[in-house]
N, C-alpha and C. Protein backbone atom coordinates (compact mmCIF):
# COMPACT_ATOMS: atom_id res chain seq x y z
N MET A 1 -20.52 -37.26 -23.54
CA MET A 1 -20.04 -35.93 -23.85
C MET A 1 -18.56 -35.95 -24.23
N ARG A 2 -17.78 -36.75 -23.51
CA ARG A 2 -16.34 -36.83 -23.80
C ARG A 2 -16.11 -37.36 -25.23
N LEU A 3 -16.88 -38.36 -25.64
CA LEU A 3 -16.75 -38.91 -26.98
C LEU A 3 -17.08 -37.85 -28.03
N PHE A 4 -18.08 -37.02 -27.74
CA PHE A 4 -18.44 -35.93 -28.65
C PHE A 4 -17.27 -34.96 -28.81
N ARG A 5 -16.63 -34.57 -27.71
CA ARG A 5 -15.49 -33.65 -27.77
C ARG A 5 -14.34 -34.25 -28.59
N VAL A 6 -14.06 -35.52 -28.37
CA VAL A 6 -12.98 -36.19 -29.12
C VAL A 6 -13.31 -36.19 -30.61
N ALA A 7 -14.57 -36.46 -30.95
CA ALA A 7 -14.97 -36.47 -32.36
C ALA A 7 -14.83 -35.09 -32.99
N VAL A 8 -15.23 -34.05 -32.27
CA VAL A 8 -15.12 -32.67 -32.78
C VAL A 8 -13.66 -32.29 -32.98
N ILE A 9 -12.82 -32.62 -32.03
CA ILE A 9 -11.38 -32.32 -32.15
C ILE A 9 -10.79 -33.06 -33.34
N ALA A 10 -11.17 -34.32 -33.52
CA ALA A 10 -10.65 -35.10 -34.65
C ALA A 10 -11.04 -34.47 -35.98
N VAL A 11 -12.28 -34.01 -36.08
CA VAL A 11 -12.75 -33.38 -37.32
C VAL A 11 -12.01 -32.08 -37.57
N LEU A 12 -11.73 -31.32 -36.53
CA LEU A 12 -11.03 -30.04 -36.70
C LEU A 12 -9.55 -30.21 -36.99
N VAL A 13 -8.92 -31.24 -36.47
CA VAL A 13 -7.49 -31.43 -36.63
C VAL A 13 -7.14 -32.19 -37.90
N ALA A 14 -8.01 -33.07 -38.38
CA ALA A 14 -7.71 -33.90 -39.55
C ALA A 14 -7.26 -33.10 -40.77
N PRO A 15 -7.91 -31.97 -41.09
CA PRO A 15 -7.45 -31.21 -42.28
C PRO A 15 -6.01 -30.74 -42.17
N LEU A 16 -5.51 -30.54 -40.99
CA LEU A 16 -4.12 -30.11 -40.83
C LEU A 16 -3.15 -31.16 -41.32
N PHE A 17 -3.56 -32.42 -41.28
CA PHE A 17 -2.70 -33.51 -41.73
C PHE A 17 -2.96 -33.88 -43.18
N VAL A 18 -4.18 -33.74 -43.64
CA VAL A 18 -4.55 -34.11 -44.99
C VAL A 18 -4.15 -33.05 -46.00
N TYR A 19 -4.40 -31.77 -45.70
CA TYR A 19 -4.14 -30.69 -46.65
C TYR A 19 -2.70 -30.63 -47.12
N PRO A 20 -1.67 -30.62 -46.24
CA PRO A 20 -0.29 -30.54 -46.74
C PRO A 20 0.06 -31.72 -47.63
N ALA A 21 -0.47 -32.88 -47.35
CA ALA A 21 -0.15 -34.05 -48.16
C ALA A 21 -0.77 -33.96 -49.55
N SER A 22 -1.80 -33.14 -49.69
CA SER A 22 -2.48 -33.05 -50.98
C SER A 22 -1.87 -32.02 -51.91
N ILE A 23 -0.93 -31.24 -51.43
CA ILE A 23 -0.31 -30.21 -52.26
C ILE A 23 0.79 -30.84 -53.10
N ALA A 24 0.64 -30.82 -54.38
CA ALA A 24 1.65 -31.40 -55.27
C ALA A 24 2.42 -30.28 -55.96
N ALA A 25 3.64 -30.58 -56.37
CA ALA A 25 4.44 -29.60 -57.09
C ALA A 25 4.16 -29.77 -58.57
N SER A 26 3.00 -29.41 -58.98
CA SER A 26 2.65 -29.50 -60.38
C SER A 26 1.87 -28.24 -60.74
N ALA A 27 1.46 -28.15 -61.97
CA ALA A 27 0.78 -26.94 -62.43
C ALA A 27 -0.69 -26.91 -62.04
N ASP A 28 -1.12 -27.76 -61.12
CA ASP A 28 -2.52 -27.83 -60.73
C ASP A 28 -2.84 -26.83 -59.62
N ARG A 29 -2.62 -25.57 -59.88
CA ARG A 29 -3.00 -24.52 -58.94
C ARG A 29 -3.33 -23.28 -59.74
N SER A 30 -4.08 -22.37 -59.17
CA SER A 30 -4.57 -21.23 -59.95
C SER A 30 -3.55 -20.11 -60.10
N SER A 31 -2.63 -19.94 -59.15
CA SER A 31 -1.67 -18.86 -59.26
C SER A 31 -0.26 -19.35 -58.93
N TRP A 32 0.68 -18.97 -59.77
CA TRP A 32 2.09 -19.31 -59.56
C TRP A 32 2.92 -18.04 -59.47
N ASN A 33 2.31 -16.92 -59.06
CA ASN A 33 3.07 -15.69 -58.92
C ASN A 33 4.24 -15.93 -57.97
N ASN A 34 5.40 -15.40 -58.30
CA ASN A 34 6.63 -15.54 -57.51
C ASN A 34 7.20 -16.95 -57.51
N TRP A 35 6.86 -17.75 -58.49
CA TRP A 35 7.43 -19.08 -58.68
C TRP A 35 7.97 -19.18 -60.11
N HIS A 36 8.88 -20.11 -60.31
CA HIS A 36 9.35 -20.43 -61.65
C HIS A 36 9.58 -21.93 -61.73
N VAL A 37 9.58 -22.45 -62.96
CA VAL A 37 9.80 -23.87 -63.18
C VAL A 37 10.96 -24.02 -64.17
N HIS A 38 11.87 -24.92 -63.86
CA HIS A 38 13.01 -25.21 -64.73
C HIS A 38 12.60 -26.30 -65.71
N ASP A 39 11.88 -25.90 -66.75
CA ASP A 39 11.38 -26.85 -67.74
C ASP A 39 11.99 -26.64 -69.12
N GLY A 40 12.90 -25.70 -69.25
CA GLY A 40 13.52 -25.44 -70.55
C GLY A 40 12.59 -24.72 -71.51
N PHE A 41 11.50 -24.14 -71.00
CA PHE A 41 10.49 -23.39 -71.75
C PHE A 41 10.07 -24.09 -73.05
N PRO A 42 9.50 -25.32 -72.93
CA PRO A 42 9.12 -26.07 -74.14
C PRO A 42 8.14 -25.29 -75.02
N GLY A 43 8.40 -25.33 -76.31
CA GLY A 43 7.54 -24.66 -77.27
C GLY A 43 7.77 -23.16 -77.39
N HIS A 44 8.75 -22.64 -76.68
CA HIS A 44 9.07 -21.21 -76.73
C HIS A 44 10.56 -21.04 -76.99
N GLU A 45 10.93 -19.89 -77.47
CA GLU A 45 12.33 -19.63 -77.81
C GLU A 45 13.15 -19.12 -76.64
N GLY A 46 12.52 -18.84 -75.54
CA GLY A 46 13.22 -18.33 -74.38
C GLY A 46 12.29 -18.28 -73.18
N PRO A 47 12.80 -17.84 -72.05
CA PRO A 47 11.97 -17.76 -70.84
C PRO A 47 10.71 -16.93 -71.09
N TYR A 48 9.63 -17.35 -70.43
CA TYR A 48 8.38 -16.61 -70.55
C TYR A 48 7.54 -16.83 -69.29
N THR A 49 6.52 -16.01 -69.10
CA THR A 49 5.59 -16.15 -67.98
C THR A 49 4.23 -16.50 -68.55
N ASP A 50 3.62 -17.56 -68.04
CA ASP A 50 2.31 -17.97 -68.55
C ASP A 50 1.19 -17.23 -67.82
N GLU A 51 -0.06 -17.53 -68.20
CA GLU A 51 -1.21 -16.81 -67.65
C GLU A 51 -1.42 -17.02 -66.15
N SER A 52 -0.84 -18.07 -65.57
CA SER A 52 -0.98 -18.31 -64.13
C SER A 52 0.07 -17.55 -63.32
N GLY A 53 1.01 -16.91 -64.01
CA GLY A 53 2.09 -16.19 -63.32
C GLY A 53 3.36 -17.00 -63.19
N LEU A 54 3.35 -18.25 -63.64
CA LEU A 54 4.53 -19.12 -63.55
C LEU A 54 5.53 -18.76 -64.63
N ARG A 55 6.78 -18.50 -64.21
CA ARG A 55 7.85 -18.24 -65.17
C ARG A 55 8.48 -19.57 -65.57
N HIS A 56 8.67 -19.77 -66.87
CA HIS A 56 9.31 -20.97 -67.41
C HIS A 56 10.74 -20.58 -67.78
N VAL A 57 11.71 -21.25 -67.19
CA VAL A 57 13.12 -20.88 -67.37
C VAL A 57 13.94 -22.09 -67.79
N GLY A 58 15.24 -21.89 -67.98
CA GLY A 58 16.14 -22.93 -68.44
C GLY A 58 16.28 -24.11 -67.48
N LEU A 59 16.90 -25.17 -67.99
CA LEU A 59 17.06 -26.41 -67.22
C LEU A 59 18.14 -26.31 -66.15
N VAL A 60 19.11 -25.43 -66.33
CA VAL A 60 20.30 -25.27 -65.50
C VAL A 60 20.90 -26.63 -65.14
N PHE A 61 21.17 -26.91 -63.87
CA PHE A 61 21.85 -28.16 -63.51
C PHE A 61 20.89 -29.29 -63.11
N PHE A 62 19.59 -29.11 -63.26
CA PHE A 62 18.66 -30.16 -62.84
C PHE A 62 18.79 -31.46 -63.63
N PRO A 63 19.15 -31.44 -64.93
CA PRO A 63 19.42 -32.73 -65.60
C PRO A 63 20.59 -33.49 -64.96
N VAL A 64 21.53 -32.79 -64.35
CA VAL A 64 22.62 -33.47 -63.64
C VAL A 64 22.06 -34.24 -62.45
N ILE A 65 21.08 -33.66 -61.79
CA ILE A 65 20.48 -34.29 -60.60
C ILE A 65 19.56 -35.43 -60.99
N PHE A 66 18.70 -35.23 -61.99
CA PHE A 66 17.64 -36.19 -62.30
C PHE A 66 17.85 -37.02 -63.56
N GLY A 67 18.94 -36.79 -64.28
CA GLY A 67 19.25 -37.61 -65.43
C GLY A 67 18.76 -37.06 -66.75
N PRO A 68 19.06 -37.80 -67.84
CA PRO A 68 18.81 -37.29 -69.19
C PRO A 68 17.33 -37.16 -69.56
N THR A 69 16.42 -37.77 -68.81
CA THR A 69 15.00 -37.64 -69.14
C THR A 69 14.36 -36.42 -68.48
N TYR A 70 15.15 -35.65 -67.74
CA TYR A 70 14.60 -34.50 -67.00
C TYR A 70 13.76 -33.58 -67.89
N ALA A 71 14.29 -33.17 -69.02
CA ALA A 71 13.61 -32.18 -69.86
C ALA A 71 12.27 -32.67 -70.39
N SER A 72 12.12 -33.97 -70.57
CA SER A 72 10.89 -34.51 -71.16
C SER A 72 9.93 -35.09 -70.13
N ASP A 73 10.26 -35.06 -68.85
CA ASP A 73 9.42 -35.66 -67.82
C ASP A 73 8.91 -34.58 -66.84
N PRO A 74 7.69 -34.09 -67.02
CA PRO A 74 7.16 -33.02 -66.16
C PRO A 74 7.13 -33.36 -64.67
N THR A 75 7.11 -34.64 -64.31
CA THR A 75 7.12 -34.98 -62.88
C THR A 75 8.46 -34.66 -62.24
N LEU A 76 9.50 -34.49 -63.05
CA LEU A 76 10.83 -34.18 -62.53
C LEU A 76 11.13 -32.68 -62.50
N TRP A 77 10.37 -31.89 -63.25
CA TRP A 77 10.65 -30.45 -63.34
C TRP A 77 10.67 -29.81 -61.95
N ALA A 78 11.66 -28.97 -61.73
CA ALA A 78 11.84 -28.30 -60.44
C ALA A 78 11.07 -26.99 -60.41
N TYR A 79 10.12 -26.90 -59.48
CA TYR A 79 9.36 -25.68 -59.23
C TYR A 79 10.01 -24.98 -58.04
N CYS A 80 10.37 -23.71 -58.23
CA CYS A 80 11.12 -22.98 -57.20
C CYS A 80 10.47 -21.63 -56.93
N THR A 81 10.55 -21.19 -55.69
CA THR A 81 10.13 -19.82 -55.41
C THR A 81 11.20 -18.91 -56.00
N ASP A 82 10.82 -17.72 -56.38
CA ASP A 82 11.79 -16.81 -56.99
C ASP A 82 12.96 -16.51 -56.07
N ALA A 83 12.77 -16.54 -54.78
CA ALA A 83 13.85 -16.24 -53.84
C ALA A 83 14.97 -17.28 -53.90
N THR A 84 14.68 -18.50 -54.35
CA THR A 84 15.70 -19.55 -54.41
C THR A 84 16.87 -19.12 -55.28
N ASP A 85 16.59 -18.40 -56.37
CA ASP A 85 17.66 -18.02 -57.29
C ASP A 85 18.42 -16.78 -56.83
N LYS A 86 17.97 -16.13 -55.81
CA LYS A 86 18.64 -14.91 -55.37
C LYS A 86 19.71 -15.22 -54.35
N ALA A 87 20.76 -14.48 -54.38
CA ALA A 87 21.86 -14.67 -53.42
C ALA A 87 21.46 -14.02 -52.10
N LEU A 88 20.72 -14.75 -51.30
CA LEU A 88 20.19 -14.19 -50.06
C LEU A 88 21.11 -14.42 -48.87
N VAL A 89 21.97 -15.39 -48.98
CA VAL A 89 22.80 -15.78 -47.84
C VAL A 89 24.25 -15.45 -48.17
N GLY A 90 24.95 -14.87 -47.24
CA GLY A 90 26.36 -14.60 -47.48
C GLY A 90 26.56 -13.22 -48.05
N GLN A 91 27.09 -13.18 -49.27
CA GLN A 91 27.51 -11.92 -49.87
C GLN A 91 28.57 -11.27 -48.99
N ASP A 92 29.12 -10.23 -49.39
CA ASP A 92 30.11 -9.49 -48.61
C ASP A 92 30.99 -10.39 -47.76
N GLY A 93 31.56 -11.41 -48.38
CA GLY A 93 32.48 -12.29 -47.65
C GLY A 93 31.82 -13.48 -46.99
N GLY A 94 30.51 -13.67 -47.17
CA GLY A 94 29.84 -14.82 -46.58
C GLY A 94 30.31 -16.12 -47.20
N ALA A 95 30.16 -17.20 -46.48
CA ALA A 95 30.64 -18.50 -46.95
C ALA A 95 29.68 -19.15 -47.93
N MET A 96 28.44 -18.69 -48.01
CA MET A 96 27.43 -19.30 -48.87
C MET A 96 26.88 -18.23 -49.79
N ILE A 97 26.88 -18.50 -51.09
CA ILE A 97 26.36 -17.52 -52.03
C ILE A 97 24.84 -17.58 -52.13
N ALA A 98 24.26 -18.75 -51.98
CA ALA A 98 22.81 -18.89 -52.10
C ALA A 98 22.37 -20.15 -51.39
N ALA A 99 21.13 -20.17 -50.99
CA ALA A 99 20.53 -21.35 -50.38
C ALA A 99 19.03 -21.29 -50.62
N GLY A 100 18.41 -22.43 -50.75
CA GLY A 100 16.97 -22.45 -50.95
C GLY A 100 16.50 -23.85 -51.23
N GLU A 101 15.25 -23.93 -51.68
CA GLU A 101 14.72 -25.24 -52.03
C GLU A 101 13.75 -25.11 -53.18
N CYS A 102 13.67 -26.19 -53.91
CA CYS A 102 12.72 -26.33 -55.00
C CYS A 102 11.98 -27.64 -54.74
N ARG A 103 11.02 -27.95 -55.59
CA ARG A 103 10.30 -29.20 -55.41
C ARG A 103 9.79 -29.71 -56.74
N ASN A 104 9.65 -31.01 -56.83
CA ASN A 104 8.96 -31.62 -57.96
C ASN A 104 7.97 -32.62 -57.38
N ASP A 105 7.37 -33.45 -58.23
CA ASP A 105 6.36 -34.38 -57.73
C ASP A 105 6.94 -35.41 -56.77
N LEU A 106 8.24 -35.66 -56.84
CA LEU A 106 8.84 -36.73 -56.05
C LEU A 106 9.66 -36.26 -54.86
N ASN A 107 10.25 -35.07 -54.93
CA ASN A 107 11.22 -34.64 -53.93
C ASN A 107 11.13 -33.17 -53.57
N ILE A 108 11.61 -32.86 -52.36
CA ILE A 108 11.99 -31.50 -52.01
C ILE A 108 13.47 -31.43 -52.37
N ILE A 109 13.88 -30.42 -53.12
CA ILE A 109 15.26 -30.31 -53.61
C ILE A 109 15.92 -29.17 -52.85
N HIS A 110 16.75 -29.52 -51.88
CA HIS A 110 17.46 -28.51 -51.09
C HIS A 110 18.71 -28.11 -51.87
N LEU A 111 18.98 -26.82 -51.96
CA LEU A 111 20.11 -26.31 -52.74
C LEU A 111 20.94 -25.35 -51.90
N GLN A 112 22.24 -25.38 -52.12
CA GLN A 112 23.10 -24.37 -51.51
C GLN A 112 24.36 -24.22 -52.35
N GLY A 113 24.83 -23.00 -52.43
CA GLY A 113 26.08 -22.71 -53.12
C GLY A 113 27.10 -22.26 -52.09
N ILE A 114 28.20 -22.97 -52.01
CA ILE A 114 29.25 -22.60 -51.05
C ILE A 114 30.58 -22.46 -51.77
N ALA A 115 31.50 -21.80 -51.14
CA ALA A 115 32.81 -21.55 -51.74
C ALA A 115 33.47 -22.87 -52.16
N SER A 116 33.96 -22.91 -53.41
CA SER A 116 34.66 -24.10 -53.89
C SER A 116 35.86 -24.36 -53.00
N GLY A 117 36.11 -25.61 -52.70
CA GLY A 117 37.20 -25.97 -51.82
C GLY A 117 36.80 -26.09 -50.37
N ALA A 118 35.62 -25.54 -50.01
CA ALA A 118 35.12 -25.69 -48.64
C ALA A 118 34.68 -27.14 -48.47
N PRO A 119 34.63 -27.62 -47.24
CA PRO A 119 34.20 -29.01 -47.02
C PRO A 119 32.81 -29.26 -47.59
N VAL A 120 32.63 -30.44 -48.18
CA VAL A 120 31.34 -30.82 -48.73
C VAL A 120 30.38 -31.05 -47.56
N PRO A 121 29.20 -30.46 -47.61
CA PRO A 121 28.24 -30.70 -46.53
C PRO A 121 27.88 -32.19 -46.48
N THR A 122 27.79 -32.73 -45.29
CA THR A 122 27.49 -34.14 -45.11
C THR A 122 26.16 -34.51 -45.75
N GLY A 123 26.18 -35.51 -46.61
CA GLY A 123 24.97 -36.00 -47.26
C GLY A 123 24.59 -35.26 -48.53
N TRP A 124 25.29 -34.20 -48.88
CA TRP A 124 24.98 -33.40 -50.06
C TRP A 124 25.84 -33.85 -51.23
N THR A 125 25.35 -33.58 -52.46
CA THR A 125 26.05 -33.96 -53.68
C THR A 125 26.28 -32.72 -54.53
N ALA A 126 27.45 -32.62 -55.15
CA ALA A 126 27.75 -31.48 -56.02
C ALA A 126 26.92 -31.59 -57.31
N ALA A 127 26.35 -30.47 -57.72
CA ALA A 127 25.58 -30.42 -58.96
C ALA A 127 26.32 -29.65 -60.04
N ALA A 128 27.00 -28.56 -59.66
CA ALA A 128 27.68 -27.72 -60.64
C ALA A 128 28.64 -26.78 -59.93
N THR A 129 29.63 -26.33 -60.67
CA THR A 129 30.57 -25.33 -60.16
C THR A 129 30.46 -24.11 -61.06
N SER A 130 30.43 -22.95 -60.44
CA SER A 130 30.35 -21.70 -61.18
C SER A 130 31.25 -20.69 -60.49
N GLY A 131 32.29 -20.29 -61.19
CA GLY A 131 33.23 -19.34 -60.58
C GLY A 131 33.89 -19.95 -59.36
N ASP A 132 33.81 -19.26 -58.26
CA ASP A 132 34.43 -19.72 -57.02
C ASP A 132 33.47 -20.49 -56.12
N PHE A 133 32.30 -20.86 -56.63
CA PHE A 133 31.31 -21.54 -55.81
C PHE A 133 30.90 -22.86 -56.43
N THR A 134 30.56 -23.82 -55.57
CA THR A 134 30.00 -25.10 -55.99
C THR A 134 28.58 -25.18 -55.45
N TYR A 135 27.67 -25.63 -56.30
CA TYR A 135 26.28 -25.77 -55.91
C TYR A 135 26.01 -27.22 -55.56
N TYR A 136 25.42 -27.43 -54.39
CA TYR A 136 25.14 -28.76 -53.87
C TYR A 136 23.64 -28.95 -53.73
N TYR A 137 23.21 -30.22 -53.77
CA TYR A 137 21.80 -30.53 -53.58
C TYR A 137 21.64 -31.71 -52.63
N LEU A 138 20.48 -31.76 -52.02
CA LEU A 138 20.08 -32.85 -51.15
C LEU A 138 18.61 -33.10 -51.43
N LEU A 139 18.24 -34.36 -51.71
CA LEU A 139 16.85 -34.68 -52.02
C LEU A 139 16.17 -35.28 -50.79
N THR A 140 14.98 -34.79 -50.53
CA THR A 140 14.13 -35.36 -49.48
C THR A 140 12.86 -35.86 -50.17
N PRO A 141 12.62 -37.16 -50.14
CA PRO A 141 11.40 -37.68 -50.79
C PRO A 141 10.15 -37.05 -50.20
N ARG A 142 9.18 -36.80 -51.07
CA ARG A 142 7.90 -36.20 -50.61
C ARG A 142 6.96 -37.28 -50.14
């Protein structure tokens, strides 16, 4: 009986470990509502939303992070929730203008914008400066 219980628990718990590992940051899903991809909107003259709800937007600073092949390599394209681009943290004198994360097939891309001249966060790399803020990134392999 004990072996039966262990087997049942193993069957019930296994999907919790397998399912997250199977989720890729690619266009292989049915709905992308509230997401956007920094792919430079290939084949279009400007940003657009496709039939899955995914918004295709400019490259911004991602070629700085991933190199000159970024625009032509879909495995590098950064898929972000729409909230990543919004200034959710700080404002009204806050030290951070924005924070969030994006992902591609290889990495989780952590992003934060902090006041220029503030200490560089440990382990983070500057991607771009805009106005009085510098945007930093940290890559976590998937």
